Amino acid sequence: MIQKYNHFSNNALAHTYSIVARNPKTGEMGIGVQSHWFSVGSVVSWGEAGVGVVATQSLVNKSFGLRGLDLLKQGKTPKESIEILLSDDEGGDVRQVSILDAEGRVATHTGSKCIKHAGHRVGENFSVQANMMLSDQVWPSMVEAFVEYNKLPLPEQIVKCLEAAESAGGDLRGRQSAALLIVSGQAPENKWEDPIIDLRVEDHPEPLEEINRLLKVWRAYEHMNNGDLAIEKGNMGKALEEYNAAMKKFPDNLEMKYWTAVSLANENKLEEALVLFKNVFKKDKNWRLLTERLPHSELLNINEEDLKKILSLK
C-alpha cells in the first residue's frame, strides 16, 4: 500500500526563497535560504556529503528532505527523485522542491498553486526557487548574482544570491530566519565531518546580515581550529600562523588574541606576546588563570622566569 503524504501532516508554511548550488572545482554543494518563518533551516535545508542537497519549501512536505537524499543514494537522478516524491504526495500543487546531486545534476518543481509570486530557474550546477515573493524579480536576481559572484567560494557566493533576492523584494511578509548548509562533494572518511558548514539564524530582525556575520566568524574559527591542530602536533610555527590569521579577521576577539599570544610565547617572541597578554588580562582576569594552567598540559612551553613575566602583567 502506497503511503500518501499531505500538507496537513507537515505543519510548516516555509514560504521562502532559496538556492541549491555546487562548486564544480571543489565539488562542494550547498543550500542558502531566508524566510519569514521561525527556524527555516530546520525545515527547508537537507544535505549529505557525496550525495546531494535538497530544499523543500512552500507548504512543506518535510519528508522530501531525507527521502530525496535516500533516492539519490539509490541511484536516482534529481528529476527521477522529484517525480517519485510527488507521485505519493497529495499536496504536489502547493510544494516547491529542488534537488541537486554530487554530479551537479539538478531538478526543481514549483507547484501550480504555490502562492505567487512563485517560480524557479535551473542552471548549470544550481537552481534558485521562491514562493510568496513581493516581486517576480526575486529569483531572476539570484541567477544574476550567482553568475556575477562565481569567483567567490561557494558559501560566500550563496550569501550574495540571498542578498540579491532580498534587494529584489524578498518574502512579501518580511524576514525572520536564514540558514546556510555546505557539504562536501565526496563522502568524508569520518561521518562527523559532515556537514562542512551548518549555520542557522533562527529568529532575527536582519537574518541575512547575521548569517553573513556568522560566516565571517566561521572563517576565522576555521583558522583557530587549524591552529589547535598544529599545537596538538607540536607545530608551534604553524599554530602562530593560523591564530594570527584568525586574529586579523577579528582583532577584538579575546580568544583569538589570547592563543596568538600563547603561540608567540612558544616561538620565543615574548615581547610581542606580552603586549597581547596584557590586553587580554585587562579585559578578563580569567585568562590569567588559564595561563597558569597551560604549562601542565604542555600548551605553553616557556621557562619559569618568562611565565612569571606574563602572570605579573598589570
Foldseek 3Di string as FASTA:
>chain_A
DFAAAELVVVPFQFFWKKKWFAQPVFLKIKMKIWGPGFFLCVQAWADAAQWWIKGKHGSGPSVLRVQLSVVSVVVDAQVRSVVVVVVRYPHLQRIWMKIATSVLGIDIDHHVPFAPPWDKDDDGRMIITGGQFPDVCLRVQLVVLLVVPVVDPPQVSRLSSVVSSVVVGTHVVATFKMWMWMCGSHHDPDRVCPPVDTDIDRGDNCHSVVVVVVVLLVVLVVLVVQLVVCLVVVNLVSNLVSLVVSCVSPVPDLVSLQSNLLSCQQVVNLVVSLVSLLVSCVVPVVSLVVLVVVVVVPSRDDDPVSNVVSSPRD
